[in-house]
Amino acid sequence: MNLKKFFVFSSALFIAFTMVAEAQKIAVVDMETVIKSHPKAEQNDKALRAKQAELESKRDVLLAELKAKEEKIVQLEKDIRSNPMYTDKLKAEKAEEGRALIRDFQESEKTIRAKVAEMQRELSREERKLFAEVMDDVQVAVKRVAEVNNFTHVLDSSAYRTGAPIPIVVYSAPNTDITDAVITTLGGTRKEIKAAE
């Protein structure tokens, strides 16, 4: 009698699992490839590189100004030590001038550090903004493809790359990969990801 109950229970459990499995339709998408293949990806990369070059140019101007101030201080110190024509009074005046230049240099250095940090934050904000715009498009495209194909879940298959700690998708049948459909929905062209070295 117990064996009969076991078979009935096992059969009911098998039927329930089969129904649940049939109700779930799972797809995978290579999010890294989709993001890289987004029509705006190349444009965004160029915009970020241009912004970075602009900020680096501004930084270089500030650093050149700072270097000029430093050279002026060094030259003044050399003059004070090596010019035999300087009287004690003139040496004292030049030393005071040197201290003023050093204070100005330190203030300039502090200001430049703050400006460079702000430039880095500005570049990071721009990068996050552009990435968010792409991700919004990608989310809409993934949802659209999933709904059209009646997928209940879409998993990211790009999580496992060389150096990545744990794969999210260990195996997926090729017919469940919607990467190309998402790229097409976005209007992009597939770009292959180079393996990390």
Protein backbone atom coordinates (compact mmCIF):
# COMPACT_ATOMS: atom_id res chain seq x y z
CA MET A 1 0.00 0.00 0.00
CA ASN A 2 2.80 2.46 0.80
CA LEU A 3 4.39 1.69 -2.54
CA LYS A 4 1.14 2.56 -4.33
CA LYS A 5 0.92 5.91 -2.49
CA PHE A 6 4.55 6.60 -3.38
CA PHE A 7 3.90 6.02 -7.09
CA VAL A 8 0.78 8.21 -7.03
CA PHE A 9 2.69 10.96 -5.20
CA SER A 10 5.67 10.62 -7.57
CA SER A 11 3.40 10.77 -10.60
CA ALA A 12 1.60 13.84 -9.28
CA LEU A 13 4.93 15.51 -8.50
CA PHE A 14 6.27 14.70 -11.98
CA ILE A 15 3.13 16.13 -13.62
CA ALA A 16 3.39 19.30 -11.50
CA PHE A 17 7.08 19.78 -12.38
CA THR A 18 6.32 19.19 -16.07
CA MET A 19 3.54 21.79 -16.01
CA VAL A 20 5.78 24.33 -14.27
CA ALA A 21 8.66 23.62 -16.66
CA GLU A 22 6.36 24.02 -19.67
CA ALA A 23 5.03 27.29 -18.29
CA GLN A 24 8.54 28.72 -18.03
CA LYS A 25 10.30 29.70 -21.23
CA ILE A 26 13.82 30.99 -20.66
CA ALA A 27 16.12 32.78 -23.09
CA VAL A 28 19.66 34.10 -22.84
CA VAL A 29 21.16 37.29 -24.14
CA ASP A 30 24.79 38.39 -24.32
CA MET A 31 24.35 41.81 -22.74
CA GLU A 32 27.97 42.80 -23.28
CA THR A 33 27.66 42.18 -27.03
CA VAL A 34 24.28 43.93 -27.18
CA ILE A 35 25.63 47.02 -25.39
CA LYS A 36 28.72 47.13 -27.61
CA SER A 37 26.52 46.64 -30.70
CA HIS A 38 24.08 49.43 -29.78
CA PRO A 39 23.93 52.03 -32.58
CA LYS A 40 25.02 54.76 -30.15
CA ALA A 41 27.94 52.77 -28.64
CA GLU A 42 30.60 53.97 -31.07
CA GLN A 43 29.26 57.53 -31.01
CA ASN A 44 29.26 57.50 -27.20
CA ASP A 45 32.84 56.17 -27.10
CA LYS A 46 33.96 58.95 -29.44
CA ALA A 47 32.11 61.56 -27.37
CA LEU A 48 33.72 60.30 -24.17
CA ARG A 49 37.18 60.23 -25.71
CA ALA A 50 36.69 63.79 -27.00
CA LYS A 51 35.47 64.92 -23.57
CA GLN A 52 38.42 63.23 -21.91
CA ALA A 53 40.86 64.86 -24.36
CA GLU A 54 39.25 68.26 -23.70
CA LEU A 55 39.54 67.83 -19.94
CA GLU A 56 43.12 66.56 -20.20
CA SER A 57 44.00 69.62 -22.28
CA LYS A 58 42.53 71.91 -19.62
CA ARG A 59 44.41 69.98 -16.95
CA ASP A 60 47.67 70.27 -18.88
CA VAL A 61 47.26 74.07 -19.12
CA LEU A 62 46.74 74.27 -15.36
CA LEU A 63 49.74 72.03 -14.70
CA ALA A 64 51.91 74.13 -17.04
CA GLU A 65 50.93 77.25 -15.06
CA LEU A 66 51.85 75.47 -11.86
CA LYS A 67 55.18 74.32 -13.31
CA ALA A 68 55.97 77.92 -14.32
CA LYS A 69 55.32 79.07 -10.74
CA GLU A 70 57.55 76.31 -9.40
CA GLU A 71 60.35 77.27 -11.79
CA LYS A 72 60.04 80.91 -10.69
CA ILE A 73 60.45 79.84 -7.05
CA VAL A 74 63.47 77.68 -7.86
CA GLN A 75 65.08 80.49 -9.85
CA LEU A 76 64.48 83.00 -7.05
CA GLU A 77 66.08 80.63 -4.51
CA LYS A 78 69.12 80.21 -6.78
CA ASP A 79 69.41 83.98 -7.18
CA ILE A 80 69.28 84.55 -3.43
CA ARG A 81 71.99 81.93 -2.78
CA SER A 82 74.31 82.69 -5.66
CA ASN A 83 74.05 86.40 -6.52
CA PRO A 84 76.90 88.23 -4.75
CA MET A 85 75.31 91.60 -5.55
CA TYR A 86 72.39 90.95 -3.17
CA THR A 87 72.68 92.81 0.11
CA ASP A 88 71.27 91.30 3.29
CA LYS A 89 68.29 93.63 2.98
CA LEU A 90 67.69 92.61 -0.65
CA LYS A 91 68.10 88.94 0.29
CA ALA A 92 65.45 89.40 3.01
CA GLU A 93 63.09 91.08 0.53
CA LYS A 94 63.68 88.31 -2.02
CA ALA A 95 63.15 85.66 0.68
CA GLU A 96 59.79 87.28 1.55
CA GLU A 97 58.92 87.34 -2.14
CA GLY A 98 59.84 83.66 -2.30
CA ARG A 99 57.58 82.82 0.65
CA ALA A 100 54.73 84.67 -1.09
CA LEU A 101 55.40 82.70 -4.28
CA ILE A 102 55.42 79.45 -2.30
CA ARG A 103 52.06 80.31 -0.68
CA ASP A 104 50.66 81.17 -4.13
CA PHE A 105 52.07 77.91 -5.51
CA GLN A 106 50.46 75.89 -2.70
CA GLU A 107 47.09 77.60 -3.20
CA SER A 108 47.32 77.06 -6.95
CA GLU A 109 48.20 73.40 -6.43
CA LYS A 110 45.22 72.95 -4.11
CA THR A 111 42.91 74.69 -6.61
CA ILE A 112 44.22 72.61 -9.50
CA ARG A 113 43.73 69.36 -7.57
CA ALA A 114 40.13 70.37 -6.89
CA LYS A 115 39.58 71.28 -10.55
CA VAL A 116 41.11 68.01 -11.79
CA ALA A 117 38.94 66.02 -9.35
CA GLU A 118 35.86 67.89 -10.61
CA MET A 119 36.88 67.16 -14.21
CA GLN A 120 37.12 63.45 -13.38
CA ARG A 121 33.69 63.55 -11.73
CA GLU A 122 32.29 65.36 -14.78
CA LEU A 123 33.68 62.68 -17.10
CA SER A 124 32.25 59.92 -14.87
CA ARG A 125 28.83 61.62 -14.82
CA GLU A 126 28.86 61.87 -18.62
CA GLU A 127 29.87 58.22 -18.94
CA ARG A 128 27.08 57.11 -16.57
CA LYS A 129 24.54 59.27 -18.42
CA LEU A 130 25.44 57.83 -21.83
CA PHE A 131 25.49 54.27 -20.44
CA ALA A 132 22.07 54.76 -18.82
CA GLU A 133 20.61 55.93 -22.14
CA VAL A 134 21.96 52.82 -23.88
CA MET A 135 20.74 50.53 -21.08
CA ASP A 136 17.26 52.03 -21.24
CA ASP A 137 17.12 51.19 -24.96
CA VAL A 138 18.53 47.71 -24.33
CA GLN A 139 15.99 46.96 -21.60
CA VAL A 140 13.12 47.98 -23.89
CA ALA A 141 14.50 45.84 -26.75
CA VAL A 142 15.04 42.79 -24.52
CA LYS A 143 11.51 43.13 -23.17
CA ARG A 144 10.07 43.49 -26.68
CA VAL A 145 11.89 40.40 -28.00
CA ALA A 146 11.00 38.39 -24.89
CA GLU A 147 7.32 39.31 -25.15
CA VAL A 148 7.13 38.54 -28.89
CA ASN A 149 8.70 35.12 -28.29
CA ASN A 150 6.81 34.41 -25.05
CA PHE A 151 9.93 34.13 -22.91
CA THR A 152 9.22 34.36 -19.19
CA HIS A 153 12.85 34.96 -18.18
CA VAL A 154 15.94 36.30 -19.94
CA LEU A 155 19.35 35.59 -18.42
CA ASP A 156 22.62 37.38 -19.18
CA SER A 157 25.05 34.95 -20.82
CA SER A 158 27.92 37.45 -20.94
CA ALA A 159 28.57 37.24 -17.22
CA TYR A 160 31.08 34.46 -17.75
CA ARG A 161 34.18 35.85 -19.35
CA THR A 162 37.81 35.17 -18.57
CA GLY A 163 38.41 36.49 -15.09
CA ALA A 164 34.71 36.66 -14.18
CA PRO A 165 34.07 34.83 -10.90
CA ILE A 166 30.88 32.84 -11.50
CA PRO A 167 28.88 32.15 -14.65
CA ILE A 168 25.20 33.05 -14.54
CA VAL A 169 24.38 30.75 -17.46
CA VAL A 170 26.30 27.49 -17.52
CA TYR A 171 24.56 26.12 -20.62
CA SER A 172 21.93 27.34 -23.02
CA ALA A 173 20.58 25.83 -26.19
CA PRO A 174 21.48 27.95 -29.22
CA ASN A 175 17.80 28.51 -30.07
CA THR A 176 17.28 30.32 -26.74
CA ASP A 177 19.89 33.02 -27.45
CA ILE A 178 18.10 36.25 -28.38
CA THR A 179 21.23 38.44 -28.61
CA ASP A 180 20.96 38.97 -32.38
CA ALA A 181 17.22 39.64 -32.17
CA VAL A 182 17.79 42.31 -29.52
CA ILE A 183 20.57 43.92 -31.57
CA THR A 184 18.28 43.95 -34.61
CA THR A 185 15.48 45.47 -32.53
CA LEU A 186 17.88 48.22 -31.47
CA GLY A 187 18.89 48.80 -35.09
CA GLY A 188 22.49 47.92 -34.34
CA THR A 189 25.12 45.72 -35.96
CA ARG A 190 26.69 42.90 -34.00
CA LYS A 191 30.13 43.74 -32.63
CA GLU A 192 32.19 40.87 -31.29
CA ILE A 193 33.75 41.13 -27.83
CA LYS A 194 37.48 40.52 -27.60
CA ALA A 195 38.52 38.08 -24.91
CA ALA A 196 40.23 39.63 -21.89
CA GLU A 197 43.94 39.01 -21.77
